Structures are given as structure tokens and as C-alpha cells.
C-alpha atoms as a PDB file:
ATOM      1  CA  MET A   1     102.467  16.266 -48.111  1.00  0.00           C
ATOM      2  CA  ALA A   2     105.250  15.883 -50.654  1.00  0.00           C
ATOM      3  CA  ASN A   3     104.814  13.573 -53.626  1.00  0.00           C
ATOM      4  CA  LYS A   4     106.768  10.381 -53.224  1.00  0.00           C
ATOM      5  CA  ILE A   5     108.633   9.046 -56.224  1.00  0.00           C
ATOM      6  CA  PRO A   6     107.416   5.464 -56.769  1.00  0.00           C
ATOM      7  CA  ILE A   7     110.135   2.830 -56.677  1.00  0.00           C
ATOM      8  CA  CYS A   8     110.002  -0.348 -58.783  1.00  0.00           C
ATOM      9  CA  PRO A   9     110.203  -3.348 -56.435  1.00  0.00           C
ATOM     10  CA  LEU A  10     111.247  -5.697 -59.239  1.00  0.00           C
ATOM     11  CA  MET A  11     113.993  -3.623 -60.801  1.00  0.00           C
ATOM     12  CA  SER A  12     115.269  -2.396 -57.424  1.00  0.00           C
ATOM     13  CA  ALA A  13     115.603  -5.863 -55.871  1.00  0.00           C
ATOM     14  CA  GLY A  14     119.251  -6.641 -55.262  1.00  0.00           C
ATOM     15  CA  ASN A  15     120.467  -3.209 -56.416  1.00  0.00           C
ATOM     16  CA  GLU A  16     122.093  -0.575 -54.269  1.00  0.00           C
ATOM     17  CA  ILE A  17     120.263   2.107 -56.254  1.00  0.00           C
ATOM     18  CA  ASN A  18     116.461   2.262 -56.348  1.00  0.00           C
ATOM     19  CA  ILE A  19     114.935   2.247 -59.820  1.00  0.00           C
ATOM     20  CA  VAL A  20     112.038   4.617 -60.485  1.00  0.00           C
ATOM     21  CA  CYS A  21     108.724   2.990 -61.420  1.00  0.00           C
ATOM     22  CA  ALA A  22     107.801   3.295 -65.113  1.00  0.00           C
ATOM     23  CA  GLN A  23     104.121   3.257 -64.089  1.00  0.00           C
ATOM     24  CA  GLU A  24     101.860   3.013 -67.159  1.00  0.00           C
ATOM     25  CA  ASN A  25     104.812   1.916 -69.310  1.00  0.00           C
ATOM     26  CA  CYS A  26     105.227  -1.234 -67.210  1.00  0.00           C
ATOM     27  CA  ALA A  27     103.350  -4.512 -67.667  1.00  0.00           C
ATOM     28  CA  TRP A  28     103.145  -4.963 -63.864  1.00  0.00           C
ATOM     29  CA  TYR A  29     101.497  -1.568 -63.243  1.00  0.00           C
ATOM     30  CA  MET A  30      97.812  -1.670 -62.327  1.00  0.00           C
ATOM     31  CA  LYS A  31      96.175   1.479 -63.705  1.00  0.00           C
ATOM     32  CA  ASN A  32      92.953   0.912 -61.749  1.00  0.00           C
ATOM     33  CA  TYR A  33      94.819   0.917 -58.433  1.00  0.00           C
ATOM     34  CA  LYS A  34      97.623   3.276 -59.484  1.00  0.00           C
ATOM     35  CA  THR A  35     100.220   0.899 -58.048  1.00  0.00           C
ATOM     36  CA  CYS A  36     102.457  -2.013 -58.920  1.00  0.00           C
ATOM     37  CA  SER A  37     100.864  -5.447 -58.965  1.00  0.00           C
ATOM     38  CA  MET A  38     103.781  -6.691 -56.837  1.00  0.00           C
ATOM     39  CA  TYR A  39     102.516  -4.535 -53.966  1.00  0.00           C
ATOM     40  CA  LEU A  40      99.006  -5.954 -54.412  1.00  0.00           C
ATOM     41  CA  ILE A  41     100.333  -9.520 -54.452  1.00  0.00           C
ATOM     42  CA  ALA A  42     102.320  -8.871 -51.268  1.00  0.00           C
ATOM     43  CA  HIS A  43      99.333  -7.220 -49.567  1.00  0.00           C
ATOM     44  CA  ASN A  44      97.058 -10.151 -50.419  1.00  0.00           C
ATOM     45  CA  ALA A  45      99.691 -12.610 -49.171  1.00  0.00           C
ATOM     46  CA  VAL A  46      99.865 -10.811 -45.818  1.00  0.00           C
ATOM     47  CA  LEU A  47      96.072 -10.917 -45.491  1.00  0.00           C
ATOM     48  CA  ASP A  48      96.088 -14.640 -46.322  1.00  0.00           C
ATOM     49  CA  ILE A  49      98.790 -15.358 -43.733  1.00  0.00           C
ATOM     50  CA  LYS A  50      96.905 -13.372 -41.067  1.00  0.00           C
ATOM     51  CA  ALA A  51      93.678 -15.266 -41.832  1.00  0.00           C
ATOM     52  CA  LYS A  52      95.468 -18.629 -41.565  1.00  0.00           C
ATOM     53  CA  GLN A  53      97.110 -17.608 -38.281  1.00  0.00           C
ATOM     54  CA  GLU A  54      93.776 -16.530 -36.804  1.00  0.00           C
ATOM     55  CA  LYS A  55      92.199 -19.813 -37.939  1.00  0.00           C
ATOM     56  CA  ASN A  56      94.956 -21.883 -36.307  1.00  0.00           C
ATOM     57  CA  THR A  57      95.145 -19.878 -33.068  1.00  0.00           C
ATOM     58  CA  PRO A  58      93.615 -21.832 -30.154  1.00  0.00           C
ATOM     59  CA  GLN A  59      91.007 -19.878 -28.272  1.00  0.00           C
END
């Protein structure tokens, strides 16, 4: 499997050209998870939405 070049979601937003992630040189980079905190925030938001939908779904 080829290595993917990580893209910065913050710097790339609204640009036609993707900006490469600065990784450990970025304040948003989570070394423990080896990913951008923006991805973790988005992932947690999706899990929260799914949990709320399941709670409100009539059975």
C-alpha cells in the first residue's frame, strides 16, 4: 500500500490546492494518534450524532 501524503484540513479549506500537513510542526497535530485533531473532533462529532439519533429513534 502506498503512503498517502497527509492533507491539512484547516489550511486546505476553501483552496483549490491541497496543503500538505506539517504534522509535528503544527499545533493541531496529535502525536499520540499521529493525526490532526480536526479529524478527531469530526470523528467524535459523528459518533455523538449517531448516538443521539439512536436515542431518538422510536422502536
